[in-house]
C-alpha cells in the first residue's frame, strides 16, 4: 500500500506560482488572512510549513483554484 505524502518544497513552489498567476503579492495574502506579519506565507512558499486545513480553504478561494491544485504529492 502506497500512502501519499505532501512534497513540502514543491507545494511551496506551487503556492508561489499560483499566487503570482493570480496577480497577488505576499502582502495581499497577508491582508486576506489577517496575519500581523507575512512569516507564515513565506514559510509556506519555502516549504518550511504547510497551511492548516482552514488556511488551505481560504488560500484556494483567494487563488481561484482547488486544494488539489495547491498540494503536490510526493511519488
N, C-alpha and C. Protein backbone atom coordinates (compact mmCIF):
# COMPACT_ATOMS: atom_id res chain seq x y z
N UNK A 1 0.84 -1.18 0.00
CA UNK A 1 0.00 0.00 0.00
C UNK A 1 0.89 1.25 0.00
N UNK A 2 0.62 2.13 -0.91
CA UNK A 2 1.40 3.37 -1.02
C UNK A 2 0.60 4.51 -0.39
N UNK A 3 1.12 5.05 0.69
CA UNK A 3 0.44 6.15 1.37
C UNK A 3 1.01 7.46 0.84
N UNK A 4 0.15 8.31 0.27
CA UNK A 4 0.65 9.56 -0.30
C UNK A 4 1.13 10.53 0.78
N UNK A 5 2.16 11.28 0.45
CA UNK A 5 2.66 12.33 1.33
C UNK A 5 2.77 13.62 0.52
N UNK A 6 2.72 14.74 1.21
CA UNK A 6 2.81 16.03 0.55
C UNK A 6 4.27 16.41 0.42
N UNK A 7 4.68 16.81 -0.78
CA UNK A 7 6.03 17.32 -1.01
C UNK A 7 6.01 18.79 -0.60
N UNK A 8 6.63 19.09 0.54
CA UNK A 8 6.58 20.45 1.10
C UNK A 8 7.21 21.48 0.18
N UNK A 9 8.38 21.17 -0.36
CA UNK A 9 9.09 22.14 -1.20
C UNK A 9 8.33 22.41 -2.49
N UNK A 10 7.88 21.35 -3.16
CA UNK A 10 7.15 21.53 -4.42
C UNK A 10 5.81 22.21 -4.19
N UNK A 11 5.16 21.91 -3.07
CA UNK A 11 3.91 22.58 -2.74
C UNK A 11 4.17 24.07 -2.51
N UNK A 12 5.25 24.39 -1.81
CA UNK A 12 5.61 25.79 -1.59
C UNK A 12 5.86 26.52 -2.88
N UNK A 13 6.60 25.88 -3.79
CA UNK A 13 6.86 26.48 -5.10
C UNK A 13 5.54 26.67 -5.86
N UNK A 14 4.65 25.72 -5.71
CA UNK A 14 3.35 25.80 -6.36
C UNK A 14 2.52 26.95 -5.80
N UNK A 15 2.55 27.13 -4.48
CA UNK A 15 1.82 28.24 -3.87
C UNK A 15 2.34 29.57 -4.42
N UNK A 16 3.66 29.70 -4.54
CA UNK A 16 4.23 30.93 -5.06
C UNK A 16 3.81 31.14 -6.53
N UNK A 17 3.87 30.08 -7.32
CA UNK A 17 3.49 30.18 -8.74
C UNK A 17 2.01 30.58 -8.88
N UNK A 18 1.15 29.93 -8.11
CA UNK A 18 -0.28 30.21 -8.18
C UNK A 18 -0.59 31.62 -7.68
N UNK A 19 0.13 32.06 -6.65
CA UNK A 19 -0.06 33.42 -6.13
C UNK A 19 0.27 34.45 -7.20
N UNK A 20 1.40 34.25 -7.85
CA UNK A 20 1.82 35.19 -8.90
C UNK A 20 0.86 35.15 -10.08
N UNK A 21 0.40 33.95 -10.45
CA UNK A 21 -0.54 33.81 -11.56
C UNK A 21 -1.86 34.50 -11.27
N UNK A 22 -2.22 34.55 -9.98
CA UNK A 22 -3.46 35.22 -9.57
C UNK A 22 -3.26 36.73 -9.43
N UNK A 23 -2.03 37.19 -9.62
CA UNK A 23 -1.74 38.62 -9.52
C UNK A 23 -1.72 39.13 -8.09
N UNK A 24 -1.43 38.24 -7.14
CA UNK A 24 -1.42 38.62 -5.74
C UNK A 24 0.01 38.71 -5.20
N UNK A 25 0.24 39.63 -4.30
CA UNK A 25 1.53 39.74 -3.61
C UNK A 25 1.43 39.00 -2.27
N UNK A 26 2.57 38.80 -1.64
CA UNK A 26 2.57 38.22 -0.31
C UNK A 26 1.78 39.13 0.63
N UNK A 27 1.93 40.42 0.47
CA UNK A 27 1.19 41.39 1.29
C UNK A 27 -0.32 41.23 1.09
N UNK A 28 -0.74 41.01 -0.16
CA UNK A 28 -2.17 40.79 -0.43
C UNK A 28 -2.68 39.58 0.36
N UNK A 29 -1.92 38.49 0.34
CA UNK A 29 -2.34 37.30 1.09
C UNK A 29 -2.34 37.56 2.58
N UNK A 30 -1.35 38.31 3.05
CA UNK A 30 -1.29 38.66 4.46
C UNK A 30 -2.57 39.38 4.89
N UNK A 31 -3.04 40.30 4.07
CA UNK A 31 -4.28 41.04 4.38
C UNK A 31 -5.49 40.10 4.33
N UNK A 32 -5.54 39.25 3.31
CA UNK A 32 -6.66 38.30 3.18
C UNK A 32 -6.77 37.41 4.42
N UNK A 33 -5.62 36.93 4.91
CA UNK A 33 -5.62 36.05 6.07
C UNK A 33 -5.71 36.81 7.39
N UNK A 34 -5.46 38.10 7.37
CA UNK A 34 -5.48 38.88 8.60
C UNK A 34 -4.27 38.64 9.48
N UNK A 35 -3.16 38.22 8.85
CA UNK A 35 -1.93 37.97 9.60
C UNK A 35 -1.26 39.30 9.94
N UNK A 36 -0.62 39.36 11.10
CA UNK A 36 0.14 40.54 11.50
C UNK A 36 1.45 40.68 10.73
N UNK A 37 2.00 39.53 10.32
CA UNK A 37 3.24 39.54 9.55
C UNK A 37 3.11 38.50 8.44
N UNK A 38 3.99 38.58 7.43
CA UNK A 38 3.91 37.64 6.32
C UNK A 38 4.68 36.34 6.56
N UNK A 39 5.19 36.14 7.77
CA UNK A 39 6.06 35.00 8.06
C UNK A 39 5.45 33.65 7.64
N UNK A 40 4.20 33.43 7.96
CA UNK A 40 3.57 32.14 7.64
C UNK A 40 3.55 31.91 6.13
N UNK A 41 3.25 32.94 5.37
CA UNK A 41 3.17 32.81 3.92
C UNK A 41 4.56 32.49 3.35
N UNK A 42 5.59 33.16 3.86
CA UNK A 42 6.94 32.85 3.42
C UNK A 42 7.34 31.43 3.78
N UNK A 43 6.89 30.94 4.95
CA UNK A 43 7.18 29.56 5.34
C UNK A 43 6.49 28.58 4.40
N UNK A 44 5.25 28.89 4.01
CA UNK A 44 4.55 28.04 3.05
C UNK A 44 5.30 27.99 1.74
N UNK A 45 5.69 29.16 1.24
CA UNK A 45 6.34 29.24 -0.07
C UNK A 45 7.72 28.59 -0.08
N UNK A 46 8.40 28.58 1.05
CA UNK A 46 9.73 27.98 1.10
C UNK A 46 9.68 26.47 1.36
N UNK A 47 8.50 25.97 1.72
CA UNK A 47 8.36 24.56 2.02
C UNK A 47 8.72 24.23 3.46
N UNK A 48 8.84 25.25 4.30
CA UNK A 48 9.15 25.02 5.71
C UNK A 48 7.92 24.61 6.50
N UNK A 49 6.74 24.92 5.97
CA UNK A 49 5.48 24.59 6.66
C UNK A 49 4.36 24.50 5.63
N UNK A 50 3.28 23.84 6.03
CA UNK A 50 2.08 23.76 5.20
C UNK A 50 0.98 24.60 5.85
N UNK A 51 0.10 25.20 5.04
CA UNK A 51 -1.05 25.87 5.62
C UNK A 51 -1.94 24.85 6.34
N UNK A 52 -2.62 25.29 7.38
CA UNK A 52 -3.61 24.42 8.03
C UNK A 52 -4.75 24.17 7.06
N UNK A 53 -5.59 23.22 7.38
CA UNK A 53 -6.73 22.92 6.50
C UNK A 53 -7.60 24.16 6.33
N UNK A 54 -7.88 24.88 7.41
CA UNK A 54 -8.68 26.11 7.32
C UNK A 54 -8.02 27.11 6.37
N UNK A 55 -6.70 27.27 6.50
CA UNK A 55 -5.99 28.22 5.65
C UNK A 55 -5.89 27.74 4.21
N UNK A 56 -5.85 26.42 4.00
CA UNK A 56 -5.87 25.90 2.63
C UNK A 56 -7.18 26.24 1.94
N UNK A 57 -8.27 26.18 2.68
CA UNK A 57 -9.58 26.52 2.11
C UNK A 57 -9.60 27.99 1.69
N UNK A 58 -9.11 28.86 2.56
CA UNK A 58 -9.05 30.29 2.24
C UNK A 58 -8.10 30.54 1.08
N UNK A 59 -6.94 29.90 1.11
CA UNK A 59 -5.94 30.07 0.06
C UNK A 59 -6.49 29.63 -1.30
N UNK A 60 -7.19 28.51 -1.33
CA UNK A 60 -7.74 28.03 -2.60
C UNK A 60 -8.78 29.02 -3.14
N UNK A 61 -9.58 29.59 -2.26
CA UNK A 61 -10.57 30.59 -2.70
C UNK A 61 -9.87 31.85 -3.21
N UNK A 62 -8.84 32.30 -2.49
CA UNK A 62 -8.12 33.52 -2.88
C UNK A 62 -7.42 33.34 -4.21
N UNK A 63 -6.91 32.13 -4.47
CA UNK A 63 -6.17 31.87 -5.70
C UNK A 63 -7.08 31.41 -6.84
N UNK A 64 -8.32 31.09 -6.52
CA UNK A 64 -9.27 30.64 -7.55
C UNK A 64 -8.95 29.24 -8.05
N UNK A 65 -8.44 28.39 -7.16
CA UNK A 65 -8.10 27.01 -7.52
C UNK A 65 -8.65 26.07 -6.45
N UNK A 66 -8.53 24.76 -6.69
CA UNK A 66 -8.93 23.79 -5.68
C UNK A 66 -7.74 23.49 -4.76
N UNK A 67 -8.02 22.88 -3.64
CA UNK A 67 -6.95 22.47 -2.73
C UNK A 67 -6.04 21.46 -3.44
N UNK A 68 -6.62 20.59 -4.25
CA UNK A 68 -5.82 19.62 -5.01
C UNK A 68 -4.85 20.32 -5.95
N UNK A 69 -5.23 21.50 -6.45
CA UNK A 69 -4.34 22.25 -7.34
C UNK A 69 -3.15 22.83 -6.57
N UNK A 70 -3.31 23.03 -5.27
CA UNK A 70 -2.25 23.62 -4.45
C UNK A 70 -1.25 22.57 -3.99
N UNK A 71 -1.75 21.46 -3.49
CA UNK A 71 -0.89 20.42 -2.91
C UNK A 71 -0.19 19.60 -3.99
N UNK A 72 1.10 19.32 -3.78
CA UNK A 72 1.86 18.46 -4.68
C UNK A 72 2.25 17.22 -3.87
N UNK A 73 1.82 16.07 -4.34
CA UNK A 73 2.11 14.83 -3.64
C UNK A 73 3.45 14.25 -4.09
N UNK A 74 4.19 13.70 -3.14
CA UNK A 74 5.46 13.04 -3.44
C UNK A 74 5.17 11.66 -4.01
N UNK A 75 5.99 11.23 -4.91
CA UNK A 75 5.79 9.91 -5.55
C UNK A 75 6.81 8.93 -5.09
